[in-house]
Amino acid sequence: MHGFQDSAGRKWRLELTIGAAKRVRDLLGENLLAPEGGEEPLLARLATDPWVLADVLYVLLLPQAQAAGVSDEEFGASLGADAILDGQTALLAEMADFFHRLHRTDLATAVARQAQLVQAAVEATADRIEQTAEAALAEIRSTSGGPSTASPGSSGSTPHPSRSANCSTCTTARPEVPGTTPPRFSNGSPTPASPGREGERS
């Protein structure tokens, strides 16, 4: 007996018996005792068609669902992605065990192989999604380029605002420091006298 839990937190116990298989055949027209038969084998559809899987699970669990007052719509609504995957795993394991006890090792092997293929497909899909995401990130990094080394406010490329490019004798004004007296020259002025005026005084 194998079980799983739905998205609503309800726990279900799967048990494949002749009576349960007959109920599935009568209500759904699916033969759980010959899962490999037909053009589209039931075993393959249980692995690829979530509608078929949900119906088979509900009919197998019908006595428990009726006792719990859970309709087929409510059951389907509680089968989220994780829940239906757990239900699929539990159903395939229950079928494999049933055929082993029935001494149908051929069917037990086929069901076990199908379960392995489902797991491999899940892992391959996860790997493919991860590789696609990594490739997209690499593409973004390669097209975005590196950071620029030039600074728009670099002092080496911007002239000082107090100087002219054609002035070689200009001096930069010195800021006065509070509490100090600027130096005085011979003319009593804070700036030196021009040569012309010194000549007139002499």
Protein backbone atom coordinates (compact mmCIF):
# COMPACT_ATOMS: atom_id res chain seq x y z
CA MET A 1 0.00 0.00 0.00
CA HIS A 2 1.33 3.40 -0.99
CA GLY A 3 0.01 6.85 -0.19
CA PHE A 4 0.38 10.54 -0.90
CA GLN A 5 -0.87 13.86 0.43
CA ASP A 6 -2.89 16.36 -1.61
CA SER A 7 -2.48 20.14 -1.58
CA ALA A 8 -5.25 20.47 1.02
CA GLY A 9 -3.29 18.33 3.47
CA ARG A 10 -5.48 15.23 3.10
CA LYS A 11 -3.69 11.89 3.15
CA TRP A 12 -4.75 9.16 0.72
CA ARG A 13 -3.89 5.45 0.76
CA LEU A 14 -3.67 3.64 -2.57
CA GLU A 15 -4.35 -0.10 -2.65
CA LEU A 16 -4.69 -1.87 -5.98
CA THR A 17 -6.97 -4.90 -5.76
CA ILE A 18 -9.06 -6.80 -8.27
CA GLY A 19 -12.13 -4.95 -6.98
CA ALA A 20 -10.44 -1.55 -7.32
CA ALA A 21 -9.23 -2.41 -10.85
CA LYS A 22 -12.79 -3.49 -11.80
CA ARG A 23 -14.17 -0.19 -10.49
CA VAL A 24 -11.69 1.73 -12.67
CA ARG A 25 -12.63 -0.38 -15.70
CA ASP A 26 -16.38 0.04 -15.14
CA LEU A 27 -16.31 3.80 -14.51
CA LEU A 28 -13.46 4.90 -16.78
CA GLY A 29 -12.99 2.11 -19.29
CA GLU A 30 -9.33 1.78 -18.30
CA ASN A 31 -7.77 -1.62 -17.58
CA LEU A 32 -5.17 -1.34 -14.83
CA LEU A 33 -4.48 -5.07 -15.11
CA ALA A 34 -3.29 -4.71 -18.72
CA PRO A 35 -1.54 -1.34 -18.62
CA GLU A 36 0.72 -2.09 -21.57
CA GLY A 37 -2.05 -2.92 -24.06
CA GLY A 38 -3.58 -0.83 -26.84
CA GLU A 39 -2.25 1.72 -29.31
CA GLU A 40 -1.85 4.21 -26.48
CA PRO A 41 -0.94 2.08 -23.46
CA LEU A 42 -2.49 3.17 -20.18
CA LEU A 43 0.94 2.97 -18.58
CA ALA A 44 2.26 5.67 -20.91
CA ARG A 45 -0.84 7.86 -20.49
CA LEU A 46 -0.57 7.67 -16.69
CA ALA A 47 2.89 9.17 -17.11
CA THR A 48 2.00 11.88 -19.64
CA ASP A 49 -1.70 12.76 -19.28
CA PRO A 50 -2.59 14.44 -15.96
CA TRP A 51 -6.34 14.20 -16.70
CA VAL A 52 -6.21 10.42 -17.02
CA LEU A 53 -3.98 10.20 -13.96
CA ALA A 54 -6.32 12.33 -11.84
CA ASP A 55 -9.39 10.30 -12.86
CA VAL A 56 -7.70 6.96 -12.14
CA LEU A 57 -6.51 8.18 -8.75
CA TYR A 58 -9.96 9.42 -7.78
CA VAL A 59 -11.75 6.23 -8.80
CA LEU A 60 -9.19 4.08 -6.99
CA LEU A 61 -9.72 6.24 -3.90
CA LEU A 62 -13.50 6.54 -4.38
CA PRO A 63 -14.53 4.79 -1.12
CA GLN A 64 -12.17 7.02 0.89
CA ALA A 65 -13.29 10.13 -0.99
CA GLN A 66 -16.98 9.38 -0.42
CA ALA A 67 -16.34 8.78 3.26
CA ALA A 68 -14.55 12.12 3.49
CA GLY A 69 -17.22 13.90 1.43
CA VAL A 70 -14.73 14.90 -1.29
CA SER A 71 -16.16 15.19 -4.80
CA ASP A 72 -14.16 14.57 -7.95
CA GLU A 73 -13.96 18.34 -8.57
CA GLU A 74 -12.70 18.97 -5.05
CA PHE A 75 -10.20 16.17 -5.44
CA GLY A 76 -8.93 17.59 -8.71
CA ALA A 77 -8.68 21.06 -7.19
CA SER A 78 -6.44 19.67 -4.45
CA LEU A 79 -4.01 18.10 -6.90
CA GLY A 80 -1.33 20.75 -7.22
CA ALA A 81 1.86 20.09 -9.14
CA ASP A 82 3.63 18.44 -6.21
CA ALA A 83 0.55 16.48 -5.13
CA ILE A 84 -0.20 14.97 -8.53
CA LEU A 85 3.46 14.03 -8.99
CA ASP A 86 3.41 12.31 -5.59
CA GLY A 87 0.17 10.58 -6.57
CA GLN A 88 1.72 9.37 -9.81
CA THR A 89 4.76 8.01 -7.96
CA ALA A 90 2.54 6.24 -5.43
CA LEU A 91 0.30 4.73 -8.12
CA LEU A 92 3.19 3.34 -10.19
CA ALA A 93 4.81 1.90 -7.06
CA GLU A 94 1.51 0.29 -6.02
CA MET A 95 1.03 -1.20 -9.49
CA ALA A 96 4.58 -2.61 -9.51
CA ASP A 97 4.06 -4.22 -6.09
CA PHE A 98 0.70 -5.65 -7.19
CA PHE A 99 2.18 -7.33 -10.26
CA HIS A 100 5.09 -8.67 -8.23
CA ARG A 101 2.63 -10.31 -5.82
CA LEU A 102 0.73 -11.61 -8.83
CA HIS A 103 3.97 -13.12 -10.16
CA ARG A 104 3.72 -11.02 -13.30
CA THR A 105 7.32 -9.91 -13.30
CA ASP A 106 7.03 -8.72 -16.90
CA LEU A 107 4.37 -6.17 -15.96
CA ALA A 108 6.13 -5.30 -12.72
CA THR A 109 9.31 -4.58 -14.69
CA ALA A 110 7.41 -2.50 -17.25
CA VAL A 111 5.79 -0.38 -14.53
CA ALA A 112 9.09 0.08 -12.70
CA ARG A 113 10.75 1.09 -15.96
CA GLN A 114 8.00 3.62 -16.60
CA ALA A 115 8.56 5.12 -13.15
CA GLN A 116 12.28 5.44 -13.91
CA LEU A 117 11.52 7.18 -17.21
CA VAL A 118 9.23 9.65 -15.44
CA GLN A 119 11.95 10.47 -12.91
CA ALA A 120 14.55 10.83 -15.67
CA ALA A 121 12.25 13.15 -17.59
CA VAL A 122 11.72 15.34 -14.52
CA GLU A 123 15.46 15.58 -13.91
CA ALA A 124 16.19 16.30 -17.58
CA THR A 125 13.61 19.09 -17.62
CA ALA A 126 15.13 20.63 -14.49
CA ASP A 127 18.62 20.46 -16.01
CA ARG A 128 17.41 22.02 -19.26
CA ILE A 129 15.75 24.90 -17.40
CA GLU A 130 18.91 25.51 -15.37
CA GLN A 131 21.12 25.48 -18.49
CA THR A 132 18.77 27.90 -20.27
CA ALA A 133 18.87 30.28 -17.32
CA GLU A 134 22.68 30.14 -17.14
CA ALA A 135 22.98 30.80 -20.89
CA ALA A 136 20.65 33.79 -20.61
CA LEU A 137 22.71 35.25 -17.75
CA ALA A 138 25.94 34.76 -19.72
CA GLU A 139 24.41 36.53 -22.72
CA ILE A 140 23.34 39.47 -20.57
CA ARG A 141 26.83 39.77 -19.06
CA SER A 142 28.56 39.60 -22.44
CA THR A 143 26.38 42.31 -24.01
CA SER A 144 26.34 44.70 -21.05
CA GLY A 145 30.13 45.41 -21.22
CA GLY A 146 32.48 46.46 -18.43
CA PRO A 147 32.30 49.69 -16.43
CA SER A 148 33.80 52.82 -18.02
CA THR A 149 37.17 53.98 -16.61
CA ALA A 150 36.77 57.59 -17.71
CA SER A 151 35.31 59.94 -15.15
CA PRO A 152 33.23 62.83 -16.50
CA GLY A 153 34.46 65.01 -13.64
CA SER A 154 38.16 64.17 -14.02
CA SER A 155 40.43 67.10 -13.08
CA GLY A 156 42.86 66.13 -15.85
CA SER A 157 40.35 66.96 -18.60
CA THR A 158 38.55 69.96 -17.08
CA PRO A 159 40.38 73.30 -16.85
CA HIS A 160 40.40 75.20 -13.56
CA PRO A 161 37.53 77.70 -13.62
CA SER A 162 39.81 80.59 -12.43
CA ARG A 163 42.38 80.13 -15.19
CA SER A 164 42.32 80.93 -18.89
CA ALA A 165 43.87 78.58 -21.39
CA ASN A 166 45.81 81.55 -22.95
CA CYS A 167 46.96 83.19 -19.71
CA SER A 168 50.47 82.22 -18.53
CA THR A 169 50.89 84.93 -15.86
CA CYS A 170 47.57 84.59 -14.09
CA THR A 171 47.75 83.72 -10.43
CA THR A 172 45.21 81.98 -8.37
CA ALA A 173 43.67 84.09 -5.62
CA ARG A 174 44.70 82.86 -2.20
CA PRO A 175 41.92 82.54 0.29
CA GLU A 176 42.29 84.59 3.45
CA VAL A 177 42.61 82.67 6.66
CA PRO A 178 40.60 84.15 9.52
CA GLY A 179 42.80 85.84 12.15
CA THR A 180 45.72 86.50 9.79
CA THR A 181 46.82 89.64 7.93
CA PRO A 182 47.66 89.39 4.27
CA PRO A 183 51.28 90.41 3.46
CA ARG A 184 51.96 94.11 2.57
CA PHE A 185 54.43 95.20 -0.07
CA SER A 186 56.56 98.33 -0.19
CA ASN A 187 53.72 100.36 -1.58
CA GLY A 188 51.53 99.47 1.40
CA SER A 189 49.24 97.53 -0.86
CA PRO A 190 48.49 93.84 -0.55
CA THR A 191 49.66 93.52 -4.16
CA PRO A 192 53.06 94.55 -5.59
CA ALA A 193 53.28 97.88 -7.45
CA SER A 194 53.53 97.84 -11.18
CA PRO A 195 56.97 98.61 -12.69
CA GLY A 196 55.65 101.81 -14.30
CA ARG A 197 54.56 103.35 -11.02
CA GLU A 198 57.84 102.44 -9.26
CA GLY A 199 59.70 104.28 -12.00
CA GLU A 200 57.57 107.41 -11.56
CA ARG A 201 58.29 107.47 -7.77
CA SER A 202 62.02 107.20 -8.29
